Amino acid sequence: MLIMENQTEIITKVPKPSLLGMFTSPGEQFERIKQNPKIWLPLVIVSILYAIGMTLMALSMDASTLIEQGVPEDQVDIVLGITKVTIAITGILTPIIGVLISSAIHLIITKIASSPVTFKQLFSMNTYIAVIGAVGLILNTGIRYAIGGNSEIYVTSLAGLLNQDKVGVLGSIEVFAIWTMFITAIGLYKTAQLSKGLAWTIAIVFFLIGIGFTLIGSLLQGAPML
């Protein structure tokens, strides 16, 4: 009798979601997240990946970038060192804060839509989605570190394709950002159990908000909007 119970427990055990699976079978991973949401290990892994990417970005910076931004030449070395350390540390905090904010907003929307999804499920979902951006960050900053250029402009963006040297809206229209939008829509449909229409609407709105923030940042810096 005990053997049969153990066999039943093994058979009914829900498989854990996989970060790697987000690239090969995201729909399956979201189904697993709905039944067995995981947070801490994937969040640590994603944070480490972001830290690596941001460190590469920091290493790609040089004094000329800061001089162009108005930093006096006699202070540029000190400012550059502080900036590099700050960027590297920011890499650890970026995914945590981003996932927390996204999950909180998603929770409000899903509760209005009468979805049974929990905050833990949404936090897990957004943590796994964040691995897409983390890989994109490492890939792009790694390439910039090797070939040079503005590390803030992804080579996989329209700005990178057009060889622009200033951050603008075209920098937000980027392969991994669009990929994240698609994956988010699938996650909201599979894990949060929203309708396809609502899931896609939320994902697209989040994507457009990101472009909006980039536009505002460009205007404040006096940089070209595109």
Protein backbone atom coordinates (compact mmCIF):
# COMPACT_ATOMS: atom_id res chain seq x y z
CA MET A 1 0.00 0.00 0.00
CA LEU A 2 2.84 2.35 0.91
CA ILE A 3 4.62 1.57 -2.37
CA MET A 4 1.48 2.43 -4.36
CA GLU A 5 1.10 5.74 -2.53
CA ASN A 6 4.75 6.63 -3.26
CA GLN A 7 4.28 5.77 -6.93
CA THR A 8 1.16 7.94 -7.09
CA GLU A 9 3.04 10.86 -5.51
CA ILE A 10 5.83 10.53 -8.08
CA ILE A 11 3.39 10.36 -10.98
CA THR A 12 1.40 13.43 -9.88
CA LYS A 13 4.45 15.55 -9.02
CA VAL A 14 4.38 18.73 -11.13
CA PRO A 15 7.63 19.35 -13.05
CA LYS A 16 9.48 22.56 -12.27
CA PRO A 17 9.55 25.37 -14.83
CA SER A 18 12.84 25.90 -16.63
CA LEU A 19 14.59 29.16 -17.52
CA LEU A 20 16.11 27.53 -20.60
CA GLY A 21 12.64 26.33 -21.54
CA MET A 22 11.55 29.96 -21.92
CA PHE A 23 13.46 29.96 -25.21
CA THR A 24 12.28 26.58 -26.47
CA SER A 25 8.80 25.98 -24.99
CA PRO A 26 7.49 29.07 -23.15
CA GLY A 27 3.87 27.91 -23.21
CA GLU A 28 4.78 24.73 -21.35
CA GLN A 29 6.82 26.67 -18.79
CA PHE A 30 3.91 29.01 -18.08
CA GLU A 31 1.64 26.03 -17.49
CA ARG A 32 4.20 24.70 -15.02
CA ILE A 33 4.47 28.12 -13.34
CA LYS A 34 0.71 28.18 -12.89
CA GLN A 35 0.85 24.88 -11.00
CA ASN A 36 4.29 25.14 -9.40
CA PRO A 37 5.56 28.75 -9.25
CA LYS A 38 9.25 29.09 -8.41
CA ILE A 39 10.87 32.38 -7.40
CA TRP A 40 14.16 32.43 -5.50
CA LEU A 41 16.54 30.33 -7.61
CA PRO A 42 15.42 31.74 -10.97
CA LEU A 43 15.51 35.27 -9.52
CA VAL A 44 19.09 34.76 -8.32
CA ILE A 45 20.12 33.40 -11.72
CA VAL A 46 18.45 36.25 -13.62
CA SER A 47 20.03 38.82 -11.27
CA ILE A 48 23.47 37.30 -11.87
CA LEU A 49 22.91 37.41 -15.64
CA TYR A 50 21.86 41.06 -15.44
CA ALA A 51 24.90 41.84 -13.27
CA ILE A 52 27.16 40.25 -15.92
CA GLY A 53 25.48 42.25 -18.68
CA MET A 54 25.66 45.54 -16.78
CA THR A 55 29.31 44.88 -15.91
CA LEU A 56 30.08 44.41 -19.61
CA MET A 57 28.24 47.67 -20.28
CA ALA A 58 30.33 49.43 -17.62
CA LEU A 59 33.57 48.03 -19.05
CA SER A 60 32.55 49.28 -22.49
CA MET A 61 32.30 52.88 -21.26
CA ASP A 62 35.17 55.26 -21.87
CA ALA A 63 36.02 58.81 -20.90
CA SER A 64 34.87 60.28 -24.21
CA THR A 65 31.27 59.26 -23.46
CA LEU A 66 31.23 61.26 -20.22
CA ILE A 67 33.02 64.23 -21.78
CA GLU A 68 30.29 64.38 -24.41
CA GLN A 69 27.76 64.49 -21.59
CA GLY A 70 29.45 67.55 -20.09
CA VAL A 71 31.74 66.05 -17.43
CA PRO A 72 34.92 68.19 -17.00
CA GLU A 73 38.03 66.44 -18.30
CA ASP A 74 39.88 66.80 -14.99
CA GLN A 75 37.09 64.91 -13.21
CA VAL A 76 36.28 62.33 -15.85
CA ASP A 77 38.43 59.49 -14.44
CA ILE A 78 36.80 59.70 -11.00
CA VAL A 79 33.30 59.99 -12.44
CA LEU A 80 33.99 57.10 -14.84
CA GLY A 81 35.10 54.82 -11.98
CA ILE A 82 32.05 55.67 -9.86
CA THR A 83 29.74 55.24 -12.85
CA LYS A 84 31.13 51.79 -13.69
CA VAL A 85 30.67 50.54 -10.12
CA THR A 86 27.15 52.01 -9.94
CA ILE A 87 26.12 50.39 -13.22
CA ALA A 88 27.44 46.97 -12.13
CA ILE A 89 25.54 47.14 -8.81
CA THR A 90 22.42 48.34 -10.61
CA GLY A 91 22.49 45.13 -12.63
CA ILE A 92 21.68 43.10 -9.53
CA LEU A 93 18.76 45.30 -8.48
CA THR A 94 17.25 45.95 -11.92
CA PRO A 95 15.48 42.59 -12.44
CA ILE A 96 14.24 42.45 -8.83
CA ILE A 97 12.65 45.90 -8.97
CA GLY A 98 11.38 45.39 -12.52
CA VAL A 99 9.74 42.04 -11.71
CA LEU A 100 8.21 43.44 -8.51
CA ILE A 101 6.66 46.46 -10.24
CA SER A 102 5.42 44.46 -13.25
CA SER A 103 3.88 41.80 -11.01
CA ALA A 104 2.12 44.39 -8.85
CA ILE A 105 0.61 46.11 -11.90
CA HIS A 106 -0.36 42.77 -13.44
CA LEU A 107 -2.01 41.74 -10.16
CA ILE A 108 -4.19 44.86 -10.13
CA ILE A 109 -5.25 44.28 -13.72
CA THR A 110 -5.91 40.57 -13.26
CA LYS A 111 -8.00 41.16 -10.14
CA ILE A 112 -10.12 43.68 -12.04
CA ALA A 113 -10.50 41.00 -14.74
CA SER A 114 -11.51 38.45 -12.04
CA SER A 115 -8.55 36.19 -12.72
CA PRO A 116 -7.73 33.58 -10.03
CA VAL A 117 -3.97 34.14 -10.46
CA THR A 118 -1.92 34.85 -7.33
CA PHE A 119 0.91 37.35 -6.80
CA LYS A 120 3.37 34.47 -6.39
CA GLN A 121 2.38 33.07 -9.78
CA LEU A 122 2.75 36.48 -11.43
CA PHE A 123 6.09 37.14 -9.72
CA SER A 124 7.36 33.76 -10.86
CA MET A 125 6.03 34.35 -14.39
CA ASN A 126 7.74 37.74 -14.70
CA THR A 127 10.98 36.37 -13.23
CA TYR A 128 11.13 33.70 -15.92
CA ILE A 129 10.23 36.25 -18.60
CA ALA A 130 13.10 38.47 -17.41
CA VAL A 131 15.63 35.88 -18.57
CA ILE A 132 14.90 36.95 -22.16
CA GLY A 133 16.00 40.50 -21.41
CA ALA A 134 18.99 39.26 -19.43
CA VAL A 135 20.31 37.21 -22.35
CA GLY A 136 19.67 40.14 -24.71
CA LEU A 137 21.63 42.43 -22.39
CA ILE A 138 24.63 40.08 -22.21
CA LEU A 139 24.62 39.48 -25.96
CA ASN A 140 24.46 43.17 -26.86
CA THR A 141 26.88 44.47 -24.24
CA GLY A 142 29.26 41.63 -25.08
CA ILE A 143 29.24 42.62 -28.74
CA ARG A 144 29.71 46.30 -27.84
CA TYR A 145 32.58 45.42 -25.55
CA ALA A 146 34.24 43.57 -28.43
CA ILE A 147 33.60 46.04 -31.28
CA GLY A 148 33.18 49.34 -29.44
CA GLY A 149 30.49 51.98 -29.79
CA ASN A 150 27.78 53.26 -27.46
CA SER A 151 27.01 50.39 -25.06
CA GLU A 152 23.55 51.83 -24.39
CA ILE A 153 22.52 51.17 -28.00
CA TYR A 154 21.71 47.52 -28.65
CA VAL A 155 23.05 46.16 -31.92
CA THR A 156 19.77 44.21 -32.16
CA SER A 157 17.72 47.44 -32.20
CA LEU A 158 16.73 49.68 -35.09
CA ALA A 159 19.11 52.31 -33.72
CA GLY A 160 21.94 49.78 -33.88
CA LEU A 161 20.92 48.64 -37.35
CA LEU A 162 20.98 52.25 -38.57
CA ASN A 163 24.34 52.88 -36.82
CA GLN A 164 22.99 55.69 -34.66
CA ASP A 165 25.28 56.92 -31.89
CA LYS A 166 22.59 58.46 -29.68
CA VAL A 167 19.95 56.72 -27.59
CA GLY A 168 16.44 57.37 -28.91
CA VAL A 169 13.07 55.75 -29.56
CA LEU A 170 14.55 53.50 -32.26
CA GLY A 171 16.72 52.00 -29.54
CA SER A 172 13.58 50.68 -27.85
CA ILE A 173 12.39 48.90 -30.98
CA GLU A 174 14.62 45.93 -30.41
CA VAL A 175 14.51 42.17 -30.97
CA PHE A 176 14.62 41.10 -27.32
CA ALA A 177 12.14 43.78 -26.24
CA ILE A 178 9.66 42.62 -28.88
CA TRP A 179 10.37 39.00 -27.91
CA THR A 180 9.61 39.88 -24.28
CA MET A 181 6.33 41.46 -25.36
CA PHE A 182 5.28 38.26 -27.16
CA ILE A 183 6.31 36.06 -24.22
CA THR A 184 4.48 38.32 -21.75
CA ALA A 185 1.27 37.98 -23.74
CA ILE A 186 1.59 34.20 -23.70
CA GLY A 187 2.30 34.25 -19.96
CA LEU A 188 -0.73 36.39 -19.14
CA TYR A 189 -2.86 34.03 -21.21
CA LYS A 190 -1.42 30.76 -19.85
CA THR A 191 -0.54 31.61 -16.24
CA ALA A 192 -2.91 34.49 -15.42
CA GLN A 193 -5.71 32.88 -17.46
CA LEU A 194 -6.67 36.12 -19.17
CA SER A 195 -8.32 36.19 -22.57
CA LYS A 196 -5.96 36.34 -25.53
CA GLY A 197 -7.22 39.81 -26.43
CA LEU A 198 -6.64 41.25 -22.96
CA ALA A 199 -3.27 39.49 -22.58
CA TRP A 200 -1.99 40.94 -25.85
CA THR A 201 -3.39 44.38 -25.04
CA ILE A 202 -1.53 44.48 -21.70
CA ALA A 203 1.73 43.25 -23.27
CA ILE A 204 1.57 45.81 -26.09
CA VAL A 205 0.71 48.65 -23.69
CA PHE A 206 3.72 47.75 -21.51
CA PHE A 207 5.92 47.77 -24.62
CA LEU A 208 4.61 51.18 -25.70
CA ILE A 209 5.10 52.56 -22.18
CA GLY A 210 8.74 51.50 -22.40
CA ILE A 211 9.10 53.43 -25.66
CA GLY A 212 7.36 56.40 -24.01
CA PHE A 213 9.87 56.45 -21.16
CA THR A 214 12.71 56.35 -23.69
CA LEU A 215 11.16 59.29 -25.54
CA ILE A 216 10.88 61.30 -22.32
CA GLY A 217 14.47 60.46 -21.40
CA SER A 218 15.66 61.60 -24.86
CA LEU A 219 13.76 64.88 -24.54
CA LEU A 220 15.21 65.56 -21.09
CA GLN A 221 18.74 64.87 -22.29
CA GLY A 222 18.25 66.95 -25.40
CA ALA A 223 19.09 63.95 -27.56
CA PRO A 224 17.41 63.17 -30.90
CA MET A 225 14.04 61.52 -30.27
CA LEU A 226 14.70 58.84 -32.86
